[in-house]
Amino acid sequence: MTLKEIAKNPHTKFVDVRSVGEFNMEHVKSAVNIPLDQFQNRYNEIEGLGDTPVVFYCRSGNRSGQAVGYLRQLGIDNIYNGGALEDLQYYLN
């Protein structure tokens, strides 16, 4: 499955790991905001984590890659680095 197919799946959840200010300026419509600096304490807020596809994104793909890497170390699957917000918006349109 491609990232575009995963992003268009109606069951996919989106997590924005940018700051609250960045999130408030623009974000994917259904996204939950968990800034990377709070991620280790808040990742359990993500509904369906491990069962439902979850795509993480940020400004460039760096912070979302760190979040995905952290969760993979915990043994959590079905998670994807969506890269930059602009890239993800392209896939969703």
N, C-alpha and C. Protein backbone atom coordinates (compact mmCIF):
# COMPACT_ATOMS: atom_id res chain seq x y z
N MET A 1 0.84 -1.19 0.00
CA MET A 1 0.00 0.00 0.00
C MET A 1 0.88 1.25 0.00
N THR A 2 0.49 2.24 -0.78
CA THR A 2 1.24 3.49 -0.80
C THR A 2 0.76 4.41 0.32
N LEU A 3 1.57 5.41 0.61
CA LEU A 3 1.18 6.38 1.64
C LEU A 3 -0.10 7.09 1.23
N LYS A 4 -0.26 7.37 -0.05
CA LYS A 4 -1.48 8.03 -0.53
C LYS A 4 -2.70 7.16 -0.25
N GLU A 5 -2.59 5.86 -0.49
CA GLU A 5 -3.71 4.94 -0.24
C GLU A 5 -4.01 4.87 1.26
N ILE A 6 -2.96 4.85 2.07
CA ILE A 6 -3.15 4.81 3.52
C ILE A 6 -3.82 6.10 3.99
N ALA A 7 -3.36 7.25 3.49
CA ALA A 7 -3.92 8.55 3.88
C ALA A 7 -5.39 8.66 3.49
N LYS A 8 -5.76 8.09 2.38
CA LYS A 8 -7.16 8.18 1.90
C LYS A 8 -8.08 7.15 2.55
N ASN A 9 -7.52 6.20 3.30
CA ASN A 9 -8.32 5.20 4.00
C ASN A 9 -9.19 5.93 5.05
N PRO A 10 -10.49 5.75 5.02
CA PRO A 10 -11.35 6.48 5.97
C PRO A 10 -11.11 6.12 7.44
N HIS A 11 -10.42 5.02 7.71
CA HIS A 11 -10.14 4.62 9.09
C HIS A 11 -8.82 5.18 9.61
N THR A 12 -8.01 5.76 8.74
CA THR A 12 -6.70 6.28 9.13
C THR A 12 -6.86 7.49 10.05
N LYS A 13 -6.03 7.50 11.09
CA LYS A 13 -5.97 8.64 12.02
C LYS A 13 -4.71 9.46 11.67
N PHE A 14 -4.74 10.75 11.97
CA PHE A 14 -3.62 11.63 11.71
C PHE A 14 -3.18 12.30 13.00
N VAL A 15 -1.86 12.33 13.19
CA VAL A 15 -1.29 12.98 14.38
C VAL A 15 -0.27 14.00 13.92
N ASP A 16 -0.48 15.23 14.32
CA ASP A 16 0.41 16.35 14.01
C ASP A 16 1.34 16.53 15.21
N VAL A 17 2.65 16.36 14.98
CA VAL A 17 3.59 16.47 16.10
C VAL A 17 4.29 17.83 16.14
N ARG A 18 3.74 18.80 15.42
CA ARG A 18 4.28 20.16 15.47
C ARG A 18 3.80 20.86 16.74
N SER A 19 4.27 22.07 16.96
CA SER A 19 3.86 22.84 18.15
C SER A 19 2.39 23.23 18.03
N VAL A 20 1.81 23.63 19.15
CA VAL A 20 0.41 24.06 19.17
C VAL A 20 0.22 25.25 18.23
N GLY A 21 1.17 26.18 18.24
CA GLY A 21 1.07 27.35 17.36
C GLY A 21 1.06 26.97 15.89
N GLU A 22 1.94 26.04 15.51
CA GLU A 22 1.97 25.57 14.12
C GLU A 22 0.66 24.88 13.76
N PHE A 23 0.17 24.05 14.67
CA PHE A 23 -1.09 23.33 14.47
C PHE A 23 -2.24 24.30 14.27
N ASN A 24 -2.30 25.34 15.10
CA ASN A 24 -3.39 26.31 15.03
C ASN A 24 -3.39 27.10 13.72
N MET A 25 -2.23 27.25 13.10
CA MET A 25 -2.17 27.97 11.82
C MET A 25 -2.78 27.15 10.70
N GLU A 26 -2.50 25.84 10.67
CA GLU A 26 -3.01 24.96 9.62
C GLU A 26 -2.72 23.52 10.00
N HIS A 27 -3.67 22.64 9.69
CA HIS A 27 -3.48 21.21 9.98
C HIS A 27 -4.46 20.39 9.15
N VAL A 28 -4.22 19.09 9.10
CA VAL A 28 -5.16 18.16 8.48
C VAL A 28 -6.43 18.18 9.31
N LYS A 29 -7.57 18.24 8.64
CA LYS A 29 -8.87 18.43 9.29
C LYS A 29 -9.12 17.55 10.52
N SER A 30 -8.86 16.28 10.43
CA SER A 30 -9.19 15.37 11.54
C SER A 30 -8.01 15.08 12.47
N ALA A 31 -6.92 15.80 12.31
CA ALA A 31 -5.70 15.50 13.06
C ALA A 31 -5.81 15.84 14.55
N VAL A 32 -5.07 15.06 15.34
CA VAL A 32 -4.88 15.31 16.76
C VAL A 32 -3.48 15.93 16.89
N ASN A 33 -3.35 16.93 17.75
CA ASN A 33 -2.06 17.58 17.94
C ASN A 33 -1.40 17.07 19.21
N ILE A 34 -0.25 16.40 19.05
CA ILE A 34 0.57 15.98 20.18
C ILE A 34 2.00 16.43 19.85
N PRO A 35 2.39 17.62 20.32
CA PRO A 35 3.73 18.12 20.01
C PRO A 35 4.82 17.12 20.40
N LEU A 36 5.87 17.05 19.59
CA LEU A 36 6.92 16.06 19.82
C LEU A 36 7.50 16.16 21.23
N ASP A 37 7.64 17.37 21.76
CA ASP A 37 8.24 17.50 23.10
C ASP A 37 7.33 16.96 24.21
N GLN A 38 6.08 16.63 23.89
CA GLN A 38 5.15 16.03 24.86
C GLN A 38 4.82 14.58 24.49
N PHE A 39 5.38 14.11 23.38
CA PHE A 39 4.94 12.86 22.77
C PHE A 39 5.08 11.64 23.67
N GLN A 40 6.21 11.50 24.33
CA GLN A 40 6.43 10.30 25.16
C GLN A 40 5.41 10.17 26.28
N ASN A 41 4.89 11.30 26.75
CA ASN A 41 3.91 11.28 27.83
C ASN A 41 2.46 11.23 27.34
N ARG A 42 2.26 11.47 26.02
CA ARG A 42 0.88 11.60 25.53
C ARG A 42 0.51 10.66 24.39
N TYR A 43 1.44 9.85 23.88
CA TYR A 43 1.13 9.02 22.71
C TYR A 43 -0.04 8.06 22.98
N ASN A 44 -0.29 7.73 24.25
CA ASN A 44 -1.40 6.83 24.58
C ASN A 44 -2.77 7.46 24.34
N GLU A 45 -2.80 8.75 24.01
CA GLU A 45 -4.06 9.44 23.68
C GLU A 45 -4.53 9.13 22.26
N ILE A 46 -3.69 8.47 21.47
CA ILE A 46 -4.02 8.20 20.08
C ILE A 46 -4.95 6.99 20.01
N GLU A 47 -6.19 7.23 19.60
CA GLU A 47 -7.19 6.16 19.52
C GLU A 47 -6.80 5.14 18.45
N GLY A 48 -6.90 3.87 18.79
CA GLY A 48 -6.65 2.81 17.82
C GLY A 48 -5.19 2.57 17.51
N LEU A 49 -4.30 3.14 18.28
CA LEU A 49 -2.86 3.00 18.00
C LEU A 49 -2.46 1.53 17.96
N GLY A 50 -1.87 1.12 16.84
CA GLY A 50 -1.46 -0.26 16.66
C GLY A 50 -2.50 -1.09 15.91
N ASP A 51 -3.76 -0.70 16.00
CA ASP A 51 -4.83 -1.41 15.32
C ASP A 51 -5.27 -0.70 14.04
N THR A 52 -5.42 0.60 14.14
CA THR A 52 -5.85 1.44 13.02
C THR A 52 -4.62 2.12 12.43
N PRO A 53 -4.57 2.32 11.11
CA PRO A 53 -3.42 3.05 10.55
C PRO A 53 -3.35 4.46 11.13
N VAL A 54 -2.15 4.86 11.54
CA VAL A 54 -1.94 6.21 12.06
C VAL A 54 -0.79 6.84 11.27
N VAL A 55 -1.06 8.02 10.71
CA VAL A 55 -0.06 8.75 9.94
C VAL A 55 0.35 9.97 10.76
N PHE A 56 1.65 10.11 10.97
CA PHE A 56 2.22 11.24 11.69
C PHE A 56 2.80 12.22 10.69
N TYR A 57 2.70 13.51 10.99
CA TYR A 57 3.29 14.51 10.11
C TYR A 57 3.76 15.72 10.91
N CYS A 58 4.59 16.54 10.26
CA CYS A 58 5.10 17.77 10.88
C CYS A 58 5.39 18.77 9.77
N ARG A 59 6.40 19.60 9.93
CA ARG A 59 6.73 20.59 8.91
C ARG A 59 7.58 20.00 7.80
N SER A 60 8.51 19.10 8.17
CA SER A 60 9.44 18.57 7.16
C SER A 60 9.49 17.05 7.11
N GLY A 61 8.98 16.38 8.12
CA GLY A 61 9.07 14.92 8.21
C GLY A 61 10.06 14.46 9.26
N ASN A 62 10.84 15.38 9.81
CA ASN A 62 11.84 15.03 10.82
C ASN A 62 11.20 14.66 12.15
N ARG A 63 10.38 15.54 12.68
CA ARG A 63 9.74 15.27 13.98
C ARG A 63 8.79 14.07 13.89
N SER A 64 8.05 13.97 12.80
CA SER A 64 7.15 12.82 12.64
C SER A 64 7.95 11.53 12.55
N GLY A 65 9.12 11.58 11.92
CA GLY A 65 9.99 10.41 11.85
C GLY A 65 10.48 10.00 13.23
N GLN A 66 10.77 10.98 14.08
CA GLN A 66 11.19 10.68 15.45
C GLN A 66 10.06 10.02 16.23
N ALA A 67 8.83 10.51 16.04
CA ALA A 67 7.68 9.93 16.75
C ALA A 67 7.45 8.49 16.30
N VAL A 68 7.50 8.25 14.99
CA VAL A 68 7.33 6.89 14.46
C VAL A 68 8.44 5.98 14.97
N GLY A 69 9.68 6.47 14.98
CA GLY A 69 10.80 5.67 15.46
C GLY A 69 10.63 5.29 16.93
N TYR A 70 10.16 6.22 17.74
CA TYR A 70 9.93 5.95 19.16
C TYR A 70 8.88 4.85 19.33
N LEU A 71 7.78 4.96 18.61
CA LEU A 71 6.71 3.96 18.74
C LEU A 71 7.14 2.59 18.22
N ARG A 72 7.95 2.58 17.17
CA ARG A 72 8.44 1.29 16.65
C ARG A 72 9.34 0.61 17.68
N GLN A 73 10.12 1.39 18.42
CA GLN A 73 10.95 0.82 19.48
C GLN A 73 10.09 0.17 20.57
N LEU A 74 8.87 0.66 20.72
CA LEU A 74 7.94 0.09 21.70
C LEU A 74 7.20 -1.11 21.12
N GLY A 75 7.46 -1.42 19.84
CA GLY A 75 6.82 -2.56 19.20
C GLY A 75 5.47 -2.26 18.58
N ILE A 76 5.16 -0.99 18.38
CA ILE A 76 3.87 -0.61 17.81
C ILE A 76 3.99 -0.54 16.29
N ASP A 77 3.06 -1.18 15.60
CA ASP A 77 3.05 -1.20 14.14
C ASP A 77 1.85 -0.43 13.61
N ASN A 78 1.71 -0.45 12.28
CA ASN A 78 0.60 0.21 11.58
C ASN A 78 0.70 1.72 11.75
N ILE A 79 1.93 2.22 11.80
CA ILE A 79 2.21 3.65 11.95
C ILE A 79 3.09 4.09 10.78
N TYR A 80 2.89 5.33 10.33
CA TYR A 80 3.55 5.80 9.11
C TYR A 80 4.00 7.24 9.28
N ASN A 81 5.15 7.55 8.69
CA ASN A 81 5.63 8.92 8.65
C ASN A 81 5.07 9.55 7.38
N GLY A 82 4.14 10.46 7.56
CA GLY A 82 3.53 11.15 6.43
C GLY A 82 4.36 12.29 5.90
N GLY A 83 5.46 12.60 6.60
CA GLY A 83 6.34 13.68 6.14
C GLY A 83 5.78 15.04 6.47
N ALA A 84 5.91 15.95 5.52
CA ALA A 84 5.49 17.33 5.72
C ALA A 84 3.98 17.48 5.53
N LEU A 85 3.41 18.45 6.22
CA LEU A 85 1.99 18.76 6.10
C LEU A 85 1.60 18.95 4.64
N GLU A 86 2.40 19.70 3.88
CA GLU A 86 2.09 19.97 2.48
C GLU A 86 2.03 18.68 1.66
N ASP A 87 2.94 17.76 1.94
CA ASP A 87 2.93 16.48 1.23
C ASP A 87 1.66 15.70 1.53
N LEU A 88 1.30 15.67 2.77
CA LEU A 88 0.10 14.94 3.18
C LEU A 88 -1.16 15.57 2.58
N GLN A 89 -1.22 16.88 2.55
CA GLN A 89 -2.36 17.55 1.95
C GLN A 89 -2.47 17.22 0.46
N TYR A 90 -1.34 17.09 -0.20
CA TYR A 90 -1.32 16.70 -1.61
C TYR A 90 -1.93 15.32 -1.78
N TYR A 91 -1.55 14.38 -0.92
CA TYR A 91 -2.10 13.03 -1.00
C TYR A 91 -3.60 13.00 -0.73
N LEU A 92 -4.07 13.86 0.15
CA LEU A 92 -5.48 13.85 0.53
C LEU A 92 -6.38 14.54 -0.49
N ASN A 93 -5.81 15.32 -1.38
CA ASN A 93 -6.62 16.04 -2.38
C ASN A 93 -6.65 15.33 -3.71
